[in-house]
C-alpha atoms as a PDB file:
ATOM      1  CA  MET A   1      59.434 211.177 170.668  1.00  0.00           C
ATOM      2  CA  ASP A   2      58.661 209.514 173.756  1.00  0.00           C
ATOM      3  CA  ARG A   3      55.256 207.479 173.883  1.00  0.00           C
ATOM      4  CA  SER A   4      52.643 208.940 176.348  1.00  0.00           C
ATOM      5  CA  ILE A   5      51.502 206.603 179.384  1.00  0.00           C
ATOM      6  CA  GLY A   6      48.286 205.487 177.618  1.00  0.00           C
ATOM      7  CA  GLU A   7      50.576 204.418 174.410  1.00  0.00           C
ATOM      8  CA  ARG A   8      52.737 202.547 177.043  1.00  0.00           C
ATOM      9  CA  ILE A   9      49.734 200.876 178.522  1.00  0.00           C
ATOM     10  CA  ALA A  10      48.456 199.857 175.267  1.00  0.00           C
ATOM     11  CA  ALA A  11      51.874 198.603 173.810  1.00  0.00           C
ATOM     12  CA  TRP A  12      52.499 196.408 176.886  1.00  0.00           C
ATOM     13  CA  ARG A  13      48.883 194.984 177.086  1.00  0.00           C
ATOM     14  CA  ARG A  14      49.246 194.035 173.390  1.00  0.00           C
ATOM     15  CA  ASP A  15      52.848 192.483 174.236  1.00  0.00           C
ATOM     16  CA  ARG A  16      51.302 190.540 176.664  1.00  0.00           C
ATOM     17  CA  GLY A  17      48.176 189.168 174.540  1.00  0.00           C
ATOM     18  CA  MET A  18      45.728 190.796 176.651  1.00  0.00           C
ATOM     19  CA  SER A  19      42.759 192.445 175.492  1.00  0.00           C
ATOM     20  CA  GLN A  20      41.373 195.518 176.753  1.00  0.00           C
ATOM     21  CA  ALA A  21      38.529 193.300 178.515  1.00  0.00           C
ATOM     22  CA  ALA A  22      41.296 191.419 179.941  1.00  0.00           C
ATOM     23  CA  LEU A  23      43.199 194.267 181.572  1.00  0.00           C
ATOM     24  CA  ALA A  24      39.800 196.070 183.039  1.00  0.00           C
ATOM     25  CA  THR A  25      38.987 192.557 184.507  1.00  0.00           C
ATOM     26  CA  ALA A  26      42.591 192.394 185.770  1.00  0.00           C
ATOM     27  CA  THR A  27      42.342 196.042 187.244  1.00  0.00           C
ATOM     28  CA  GLY A  28      38.786 195.957 188.620  1.00  0.00           C
ATOM     29  CA  VAL A  29      37.560 198.639 185.965  1.00  0.00           C
ATOM     30  CA  SER A  30      35.390 198.772 182.807  1.00  0.00           C
ATOM     31  CA  ARG A  31      36.591 198.385 179.356  1.00  0.00           C
ATOM     32  CA  SER A  32      35.748 201.798 178.399  1.00  0.00           C
ATOM     33  CA  ALA A  33      38.136 203.149 181.093  1.00  0.00           C
ATOM     34  CA  VAL A  34      41.067 200.802 179.769  1.00  0.00           C
ATOM     35  CA  ALA A  35      40.209 202.319 176.367  1.00  0.00           C
ATOM     36  CA  GLN A  36      40.143 205.785 177.787  1.00  0.00           C
ATOM     37  CA  TRP A  37      43.848 205.134 179.616  1.00  0.00           C
ATOM     38  CA  GLU A  38      45.035 203.868 176.309  1.00  0.00           C
ATOM     39  CA  THR A  39      43.934 207.415 174.407  1.00  0.00           C
ATOM     40  CA  ASP A  40      45.180 209.396 177.392  1.00  0.00           C
ATOM     41  CA  ARG A  41      41.400 210.685 177.642  1.00  0.00           C
ATOM     42  CA  ALA A  42      41.200 209.375 181.548  1.00  0.00           C
ATOM     43  CA  GLY A  43      42.135 211.316 184.676  1.00  0.00           C
ATOM     44  CA  GLN A  44      41.683 207.996 186.623  1.00  0.00           C
ATOM     45  CA  VAL A  45      45.317 206.261 185.513  1.00  0.00           C
ATOM     46  CA  SER A  46      46.961 207.747 188.558  1.00  0.00           C
ATOM     47  CA  GLY A  47      44.668 206.027 190.899  1.00  0.00           C
ATOM     48  CA  ASN A  48      45.097 203.024 189.145  1.00  0.00           C
ATOM     49  CA  LEU A  49      48.880 202.916 188.237  1.00  0.00           C
ATOM     50  CA  SER A  50      49.751 200.115 190.956  1.00  0.00           C
ATOM     51  CA  ARG A  51      47.053 197.715 189.671  1.00  0.00           C
ATOM     52  CA  ILE A  52      47.847 198.400 186.051  1.00  0.00           C
ATOM     53  CA  ALA A  53      51.524 197.613 186.774  1.00  0.00           C
ATOM     54  CA  ARG A  54      50.788 194.447 188.587  1.00  0.00           C
ATOM     55  CA  ALA A  55      48.400 193.488 185.902  1.00  0.00           C
ATOM     56  CA  LEU A  56      50.914 194.159 182.851  1.00  0.00           C
ATOM     57  CA  ASP A  57      53.915 192.932 185.229  1.00  0.00           C
ATOM     58  CA  VAL A  58      55.885 196.137 184.659  1.00  0.00           C
ATOM     59  CA  SER A  59      56.932 198.863 187.343  1.00  0.00           C
ATOM     60  CA  VAL A  60      55.120 201.811 187.835  1.00  0.00           C
ATOM     61  CA  GLU A  61      58.373 203.902 186.910  1.00  0.00           C
ATOM     62  CA  ALA A  62      58.102 201.898 183.576  1.00  0.00           C
ATOM     63  CA  LEU A  63      54.490 203.284 183.213  1.00  0.00           C
ATOM     64  CA  LEU A  64      55.129 206.566 184.140  1.00  0.00           C
ATOM     65  CA  HIS A  65      58.419 207.017 182.252  1.00  0.00           C
ATOM     66  CA  GLY A  66      59.334 204.298 179.789  1.00  0.00           C
ATOM     67  CA  SER A  67      61.052 201.122 179.757  1.00  0.00           C
ATOM     68  CA  ASP A  68      63.115 201.862 183.111  1.00  0.00           C
ATOM     69  CA  GLY A  69      65.953 202.913 180.904  1.00  0.00           C
ATOM     70  CA  LEU A  70      66.338 199.254 179.420  1.00  0.00           C
ATOM     71  CA  THR A  71      67.629 198.981 175.642  1.00  0.00           C
ATOM     72  CA  GLY A  72      65.495 197.224 172.941  1.00  0.00           C
ATOM     73  CA  ASP A  73      67.593 194.053 173.317  1.00  0.00           C
ATOM     74  CA  GLU A  74      67.431 194.188 176.941  1.00  0.00           C
ATOM     75  CA  LEU A  75      63.577 194.461 176.797  1.00  0.00           C
ATOM     76  CA  ALA A  76      63.565 191.652 174.259  1.00  0.00           C
ATOM     77  CA  VAL A  77      65.752 189.495 176.482  1.00  0.00           C
ATOM     78  CA  LEU A  78      63.242 190.206 179.581  1.00  0.00           C
ATOM     79  CA  ARG A  79      60.158 189.367 177.093  1.00  0.00           C
ATOM     80  CA  LEU A  80      61.822 186.110 176.137  1.00  0.00           C
ATOM     81  CA  TYR A  81      62.711 185.091 179.933  1.00  0.00           C
ATOM     82  CA  ARG A  82      59.384 186.078 180.706  1.00  0.00           C
ATOM     83  CA  ALA A  83      57.844 183.456 177.889  1.00  0.00           C
ATOM     84  CA  CYS A  84      59.857 180.499 179.389  1.00  0.00           C
ATOM     85  CA  ALA A  85      58.388 178.092 181.916  1.00  0.00           C
ATOM     86  CA  ALA A  86      60.112 177.911 185.192  1.00  0.00           C
ATOM     87  CA  ASP A  87      63.044 175.560 184.109  1.00  0.00           C
ATOM     88  CA  GLY A  88      63.989 177.658 181.064  1.00  0.00           C
ATOM     89  CA  ARG A  89      64.055 180.887 183.330  1.00  0.00           C
ATOM     90  CA  ALA A  90      66.322 178.543 185.573  1.00  0.00           C
ATOM     91  CA  GLU A  91      68.812 178.149 182.520  1.00  0.00           C
ATOM     92  CA  VAL A  92      68.731 181.492 181.279  1.00  0.00           C
ATOM     93  CA  LEU A  93      69.801 182.611 184.472  1.00  0.00           C
ATOM     94  CA  ARG A  94      72.436 180.467 184.546  1.00  0.00           C
ATOM     95  CA  LEU A  95      73.692 181.051 181.105  1.00  0.00           C
ATOM     96  CA  ALA A  96      73.687 185.013 181.754  1.00  0.00           C
ATOM     97  CA  ARG A  97      75.398 184.344 185.243  1.00  0.00           C
ATOM     98  CA  ARG A  98      78.355 182.142 183.356  1.00  0.00           C
ATOM     99  CA  LEU A  99      78.482 185.002 180.479  1.00  0.00           C
ATOM    100  CA  ALA A 100      78.868 187.771 182.926  1.00  0.00           C
ATOM    101  CA  ARG A 101      81.460 186.101 184.930  1.00  0.00           C
ATOM    102  CA  ASP A 102      83.303 185.402 181.535  1.00  0.00           C
ATOM    103  CA  VAL A 103      83.637 189.129 180.787  1.00  0.00           C
ATOM    104  CA  GLY A 104      84.402 190.078 184.649  1.00  0.00           C
ATOM    105  CA  GLU A 105      81.228 191.376 185.733  1.00  0.00           C
ATOM    106  CA  PRO A 106      80.137 191.139 189.079  1.00  0.00           C
ATOM    107  CA  GLU A 107      78.439 187.890 190.325  1.00  0.00           C
ATOM    108  CA  VAL A 108      74.515 188.616 190.676  1.00  0.00           C
ATOM    109  CA  GLY A 109      72.682 186.834 192.969  1.00  0.00           C
ATOM    110  CA  PRO A 110      69.411 184.743 193.116  1.00  0.00           C
ATOM    111  CA  GLY A 111      66.341 186.550 192.319  1.00  0.00           C
ATOM    112  CA  VAL A 112      68.430 189.340 190.345  1.00  0.00           C
END
């Protein structure tokens, strides 16, 4: 069963170690508004989608429909990448490019 938008917001917030109060501050709403989003009781989610997505560092598409079509392993790699410092991120990208080249995948440019 696919999760609701409220369940996705709550899961991403927890994954990032944010409290409801922190997400409220980041989006300019009250903590109770965040609680209502997460329990699918508020009609104000649609008006705040871009701010929620920005605060959680996910796409609006991911908020609306799920994980952008990413598998569990892909999401795990993305979370680990986001947890790295800048030099670690650069190393992850170098390794991924080398591994993709080794299996004949097209070269992926910077920023992708």
